[in-house]
Amino acid sequence: MTSDAFVSAGQSLQADPVQIQLADEVAQVAFGEQLGRACNGEGVLFLQGTLGMGKTTMTRGILSAYGHQGAVKSPTYTLVEPYETETARVYHFDLYRLADAEELEYMGIRDYFDEKALCVIEWPDKGAGVLPTPDIELTLTKEGDGRAASLVAFTVKGAEILAQLRTML
């Protein structure tokens, strides 16, 4: 886990959220790549949104920031898919099918969260009570034919990531 001071679960820092309209899948991947660069290969990102909102598409963009060019599939059955690149270690979690958050303890979930890794977690509510406080929570909602993305910081590191992201938009 990061050494940042955490705020209470569910409570964001007083920084303004980043809100952006994403017209299509191409825009979503491009924004994900910007977010990935802003994270600099470290942190905990929670991805929120109903089925089909593009959480895995966003992850594909994040991974492309670190040079990953292959397929990105949602690890719905394996729970985690590790990606090692020359510049980052990224763990993509999909907790959709998780029956009990305690299952995460059995798989050694805490070992994935260190300062030299980026953890991207879809359906984080399924891991409530076990997962650390996220640096950033990104929520995707339907907006016309595209998506609206809202990013909120929950840690000092998250606020720094959002500040960096703002310089890229």
C-alpha atoms as a PDB file:
ATOM      1  CA  MET A   1       0.000   0.000   0.000  1.00  0.00           C
ATOM      2  CA  THR A   2       1.065   3.545  -0.475  1.00  0.00           C
ATOM      3  CA  SER A   3       2.343   5.586   2.420  1.00  0.00           C
ATOM      4  CA  ASP A   4      -0.072   8.432   1.751  1.00  0.00           C
ATOM      5  CA  ALA A   5      -2.375   9.602   4.501  1.00  0.00           C
ATOM      6  CA  PHE A   6      -5.768   8.042   3.835  1.00  0.00           C
ATOM      7  CA  VAL A   7      -9.109   9.685   4.373  1.00  0.00           C
ATOM      8  CA  SER A   8     -12.084   7.751   5.667  1.00  0.00           C
ATOM      9  CA  ALA A   9     -13.569   5.286   3.205  1.00  0.00           C
ATOM     10  CA  GLY A  10     -16.142   6.983   1.028  1.00  0.00           C
ATOM     11  CA  GLN A  11     -14.811  10.447   1.805  1.00  0.00           C
ATOM     12  CA  SER A  12     -12.938  12.317  -0.933  1.00  0.00           C
ATOM     13  CA  LEU A  13     -10.333  15.004  -0.527  1.00  0.00           C
ATOM     14  CA  GLN A  14     -11.544  18.545  -0.999  1.00  0.00           C
ATOM     15  CA  ALA A  15     -10.001  18.696  -4.504  1.00  0.00           C
ATOM     16  CA  ASP A  16     -12.337  19.291  -7.431  1.00  0.00           C
ATOM     17  CA  PRO A  17     -13.135  16.139  -9.368  1.00  0.00           C
ATOM     18  CA  VAL A  18     -12.050  15.838 -12.984  1.00  0.00           C
ATOM     19  CA  GLN A  19     -15.032  15.478 -15.307  1.00  0.00           C
ATOM     20  CA  ILE A  20     -14.733  14.743 -19.002  1.00  0.00           C
ATOM     21  CA  GLN A  21     -16.992  13.707 -21.871  1.00  0.00           C
ATOM     22  CA  LEU A  22     -15.718  10.812 -23.984  1.00  0.00           C
ATOM     23  CA  ALA A  23     -17.412  10.684 -27.379  1.00  0.00           C
ATOM     24  CA  ASP A  24     -16.523   7.099 -28.267  1.00  0.00           C
ATOM     25  CA  GLU A  25     -14.243   4.134 -27.602  1.00  0.00           C
ATOM     26  CA  VAL A  26     -11.264   5.861 -29.240  1.00  0.00           C
ATOM     27  CA  ALA A  27     -11.666   8.836 -26.886  1.00  0.00           C
ATOM     28  CA  GLN A  28     -12.000   6.479 -23.935  1.00  0.00           C
ATOM     29  CA  VAL A  29      -8.759   4.670 -24.765  1.00  0.00           C
ATOM     30  CA  ALA A  30      -6.953   7.991 -25.334  1.00  0.00           C
ATOM     31  CA  PHE A  31      -8.158   9.322 -21.986  1.00  0.00           C
ATOM     32  CA  GLY A  32      -7.128   6.074 -20.295  1.00  0.00           C
ATOM     33  CA  GLU A  33      -3.648   6.527 -21.730  1.00  0.00           C
ATOM     34  CA  GLN A  34      -3.468  10.067 -20.301  1.00  0.00           C
ATOM     35  CA  LEU A  35      -4.602   8.754 -16.919  1.00  0.00           C
ATOM     36  CA  GLY A  36      -1.991   6.011 -17.076  1.00  0.00           C
ATOM     37  CA  ARG A  37       0.754   8.556 -17.758  1.00  0.00           C
ATOM     38  CA  ALA A  38      -0.497  10.732 -14.880  1.00  0.00           C
ATOM     39  CA  CYS A  39      -0.299   7.716 -12.522  1.00  0.00           C
ATOM     40  CA  ASN A  40       3.319   7.078 -13.503  1.00  0.00           C
ATOM     41  CA  GLY A  41       2.928   3.345 -12.857  1.00  0.00           C
ATOM     42  CA  GLU A  42       1.834   3.643  -9.244  1.00  0.00           C
ATOM     43  CA  GLY A  43      -1.403   3.827  -7.294  1.00  0.00           C
ATOM     44  CA  VAL A  44      -4.795   2.278  -6.739  1.00  0.00           C
ATOM     45  CA  LEU A  45      -7.603   3.071  -9.185  1.00  0.00           C
ATOM     46  CA  PHE A  46     -11.201   2.001  -8.623  1.00  0.00           C
ATOM     47  CA  LEU A  47     -13.264   1.804 -11.826  1.00  0.00           C
ATOM     48  CA  GLN A  48     -16.997   2.169 -11.272  1.00  0.00           C
ATOM     49  CA  GLY A  49     -19.823   1.813 -13.771  1.00  0.00           C
ATOM     50  CA  THR A  50     -22.534  -0.597 -14.798  1.00  0.00           C
ATOM     51  CA  LEU A  51     -21.960  -3.462 -17.224  1.00  0.00           C
ATOM     52  CA  GLY A  52     -20.854  -2.249 -20.630  1.00  0.00           C
ATOM     53  CA  MET A  53     -19.708   1.225 -19.550  1.00  0.00           C
ATOM     54  CA  GLY A  54     -16.143   0.595 -20.706  1.00  0.00           C
ATOM     55  CA  LYS A  55     -14.126  -0.166 -17.582  1.00  0.00           C
ATOM     56  CA  THR A  56     -11.967  -2.687 -19.449  1.00  0.00           C
ATOM     57  CA  THR A  57     -11.669  -0.285 -22.392  1.00  0.00           C
ATOM     58  CA  MET A  58     -10.363   2.345 -19.960  1.00  0.00           C
ATOM     59  CA  THR A  59      -7.882  -0.215 -18.620  1.00  0.00           C
ATOM     60  CA  ARG A  60      -6.693  -0.880 -22.184  1.00  0.00           C
ATOM     61  CA  GLY A  61      -5.882   2.833 -22.483  1.00  0.00           C
ATOM     62  CA  ILE A  62      -4.111   2.874 -19.122  1.00  0.00           C
ATOM     63  CA  LEU A  63      -1.976  -0.099 -20.164  1.00  0.00           C
ATOM     64  CA  SER A  64      -1.104   1.517 -23.485  1.00  0.00           C
ATOM     65  CA  ALA A  65       0.565   4.342 -21.520  1.00  0.00           C
ATOM     66  CA  TYR A  66       3.175   1.772 -20.483  1.00  0.00           C
ATOM     67  CA  GLY A  67       3.714   0.289 -23.936  1.00  0.00           C
ATOM     68  CA  HIS A  68       1.310  -2.658 -23.740  1.00  0.00           C
ATOM     69  CA  GLN A  69       0.019  -3.403 -27.232  1.00  0.00           C
ATOM     70  CA  GLY A  70      -1.665  -6.779 -26.850  1.00  0.00           C
ATOM     71  CA  ALA A  71      -5.215  -7.684 -26.007  1.00  0.00           C
ATOM     72  CA  VAL A  72      -6.723  -6.617 -22.707  1.00  0.00           C
ATOM     73  CA  LYS A  73      -9.480  -8.854 -21.444  1.00  0.00           C
ATOM     74  CA  SER A  74     -11.442  -8.542 -18.272  1.00  0.00           C
ATOM     75  CA  PRO A  75     -10.169 -11.094 -15.714  1.00  0.00           C
ATOM     76  CA  THR A  76     -13.693 -11.973 -14.598  1.00  0.00           C
ATOM     77  CA  TYR A  77     -12.889 -15.586 -13.721  1.00  0.00           C
ATOM     78  CA  THR A  78      -9.236 -15.293 -12.705  1.00  0.00           C
ATOM     79  CA  LEU A  79      -9.885 -12.077 -10.704  1.00  0.00           C
ATOM     80  CA  VAL A  80      -6.503 -10.569 -11.617  1.00  0.00           C
ATOM     81  CA  GLU A  81      -4.426 -10.234 -14.764  1.00  0.00           C
ATOM     82  CA  PRO A  82      -0.834  -9.040 -14.280  1.00  0.00           C
ATOM     83  CA  TYR A  83       0.895  -6.925 -16.939  1.00  0.00           C
ATOM     84  CA  GLU A  84       4.654  -6.359 -16.763  1.00  0.00           C
ATOM     85  CA  THR A  85       6.148  -3.798 -19.130  1.00  0.00           C
ATOM     86  CA  GLU A  86       9.556  -2.157 -19.213  1.00  0.00           C
ATOM     87  CA  THR A  87       8.154   0.851 -17.356  1.00  0.00           C
ATOM     88  CA  ALA A  88       5.424  -0.484 -15.060  1.00  0.00           C
ATOM     89  CA  ARG A  89       3.830  -3.389 -13.270  1.00  0.00           C
ATOM     90  CA  VAL A  90       0.039  -3.166 -13.581  1.00  0.00           C
ATOM     91  CA  TYR A  91      -2.502  -5.481 -11.964  1.00  0.00           C
ATOM     92  CA  HIS A  92      -5.973  -5.469 -13.513  1.00  0.00           C
ATOM     93  CA  PHE A  93      -8.635  -6.832 -11.160  1.00  0.00           C
ATOM     94  CA  ASP A  94     -12.252  -7.645 -12.003  1.00  0.00           C
ATOM     95  CA  LEU A  95     -14.234  -8.531  -8.889  1.00  0.00           C
ATOM     96  CA  TYR A  96     -17.628  -8.877 -10.605  1.00  0.00           C
ATOM     97  CA  ARG A  97     -17.998 -12.589  -9.817  1.00  0.00           C
ATOM     98  CA  LEU A  98     -16.549 -12.405  -6.310  1.00  0.00           C
ATOM     99  CA  ALA A  99     -18.992 -13.985  -3.862  1.00  0.00           C
ATOM    100  CA  ASP A 100     -17.321 -12.809  -0.653  1.00  0.00           C
ATOM    101  CA  ALA A 101     -14.624 -10.177  -0.096  1.00  0.00           C
ATOM    102  CA  GLU A 102     -12.825 -12.611   2.207  1.00  0.00           C
ATOM    103  CA  GLU A 103     -11.876 -14.643  -0.897  1.00  0.00           C
ATOM    104  CA  LEU A 104      -9.436 -11.835  -1.683  1.00  0.00           C
ATOM    105  CA  GLU A 105      -7.502 -12.621   1.488  1.00  0.00           C
ATOM    106  CA  TYR A 106      -7.114 -16.265   0.364  1.00  0.00           C
ATOM    107  CA  MET A 107      -5.568 -15.176  -2.934  1.00  0.00           C
ATOM    108  CA  GLY A 108      -3.072 -12.905  -1.152  1.00  0.00           C
ATOM    109  CA  ILE A 109      -4.569  -9.655  -2.424  1.00  0.00           C
ATOM    110  CA  ARG A 110      -2.465  -7.478  -0.122  1.00  0.00           C
ATOM    111  CA  ASP A 111       0.719  -8.655  -1.868  1.00  0.00           C
ATOM    112  CA  TYR A 112      -0.339  -6.815  -5.040  1.00  0.00           C
ATOM    113  CA  PHE A 113      -0.566  -3.398  -3.408  1.00  0.00           C
ATOM    114  CA  ASP A 114       2.889  -1.915  -3.156  1.00  0.00           C
ATOM    115  CA  GLU A 115       4.335   1.462  -4.057  1.00  0.00           C
ATOM    116  CA  LYS A 116       5.875   0.154  -7.282  1.00  0.00           C
ATOM    117  CA  ALA A 117       2.656  -1.118  -8.876  1.00  0.00           C
ATOM    118  CA  LEU A 118      -0.535   0.267 -10.359  1.00  0.00           C
ATOM    119  CA  CYS A 119      -3.671  -1.627  -9.359  1.00  0.00           C
ATOM    120  CA  VAL A 120      -6.765  -1.065 -11.509  1.00  0.00           C
ATOM    121  CA  ILE A 121      -9.890  -2.559  -9.945  1.00  0.00           C
ATOM    122  CA  GLU A 122     -13.256  -3.090 -11.632  1.00  0.00           C
ATOM    123  CA  TRP A 123     -16.256  -3.669  -9.334  1.00  0.00           C
ATOM    124  CA  PRO A 124     -14.344  -2.601  -6.189  1.00  0.00           C
ATOM    125  CA  ASP A 125     -17.510  -2.615  -4.064  1.00  0.00           C
ATOM    126  CA  LYS A 126     -17.276  -6.426  -4.090  1.00  0.00           C
ATOM    127  CA  GLY A 127     -13.993  -6.133  -2.166  1.00  0.00           C
ATOM    128  CA  ALA A 128     -15.223  -3.657   0.445  1.00  0.00           C
ATOM    129  CA  GLY A 129     -13.498  -4.092   3.783  1.00  0.00           C
ATOM    130  CA  VAL A 130     -10.463  -5.778   2.229  1.00  0.00           C
ATOM    131  CA  LEU A 131      -9.302  -3.381  -0.484  1.00  0.00           C
ATOM    132  CA  PRO A 132      -7.296  -0.298   0.472  1.00  0.00           C
ATOM    133  CA  THR A 133      -8.650   3.206   0.008  1.00  0.00           C
ATOM    134  CA  PRO A 134      -8.223   4.120  -3.663  1.00  0.00           C
ATOM    135  CA  ASP A 135      -6.039   6.971  -4.771  1.00  0.00           C
ATOM    136  CA  ILE A 136      -8.598   7.679  -7.521  1.00  0.00           C
ATOM    137  CA  GLU A 137     -12.154   6.523  -8.120  1.00  0.00           C
ATOM    138  CA  LEU A 138     -13.221   6.818 -11.756  1.00  0.00           C
ATOM    139  CA  THR A 139     -16.936   6.489 -12.507  1.00  0.00           C
ATOM    140  CA  LEU A 140     -18.191   5.951 -16.054  1.00  0.00           C
ATOM    141  CA  THR A 141     -21.779   6.722 -17.017  1.00  0.00           C
ATOM    142  CA  LYS A 142     -23.640   6.766 -20.325  1.00  0.00           C
ATOM    143  CA  GLU A 143     -23.776  10.201 -21.950  1.00  0.00           C
ATOM    144  CA  GLY A 144     -25.554  10.196 -25.313  1.00  0.00           C
ATOM    145  CA  ASP A 145     -23.602   7.846 -27.572  1.00  0.00           C
ATOM    146  CA  GLY A 146     -20.474   8.211 -25.449  1.00  0.00           C
ATOM    147  CA  ARG A 147     -19.472   8.182 -21.803  1.00  0.00           C
ATOM    148  CA  ALA A 148     -18.966  10.699 -19.034  1.00  0.00           C
ATOM    149  CA  ALA A 149     -16.001  10.096 -16.754  1.00  0.00           C
ATOM    150  CA  SER A 150     -15.757  11.557 -13.269  1.00  0.00           C
ATOM    151  CA  LEU A 151     -12.557  11.131 -11.260  1.00  0.00           C
ATOM    152  CA  VAL A 152     -12.329  11.810  -7.527  1.00  0.00           C
ATOM    153  CA  ALA A 153      -9.187  11.735  -5.364  1.00  0.00           C
ATOM    154  CA  PHE A 154      -9.237   9.938  -2.011  1.00  0.00           C
ATOM    155  CA  THR A 155      -5.564  10.318  -1.048  1.00  0.00           C
ATOM    156  CA  VAL A 156      -2.818  12.894  -1.343  1.00  0.00           C
ATOM    157  CA  LYS A 157      -1.295  10.773  -4.112  1.00  0.00           C
ATOM    158  CA  GLY A 158      -4.682  10.772  -5.878  1.00  0.00           C
ATOM    159  CA  ALA A 159      -4.860  14.567  -5.723  1.00  0.00           C
ATOM    160  CA  GLU A 160      -1.369  14.724  -7.241  1.00  0.00           C
ATOM    161  CA  ILE A 161      -2.438  12.351 -10.041  1.00  0.00           C
ATOM    162  CA  LEU A 162      -5.489  14.511 -10.803  1.00  0.00           C
ATOM    163  CA  ALA A 163      -3.344  17.660 -10.817  1.00  0.00           C
ATOM    164  CA  GLN A 164      -0.984  16.015 -13.311  1.00  0.00           C
ATOM    165  CA  LEU A 165      -3.936  14.785 -15.410  1.00  0.00           C
ATOM    166  CA  ARG A 166      -5.372  18.311 -15.592  1.00  0.00           C
ATOM    167  CA  THR A 167      -2.153  19.520 -17.248  1.00  0.00           C
ATOM    168  CA  MET A 168      -2.660  16.913 -19.995  1.00  0.00           C
ATOM    169  CA  LEU A 169      -6.267  17.735 -20.865  1.00  0.00           C
END
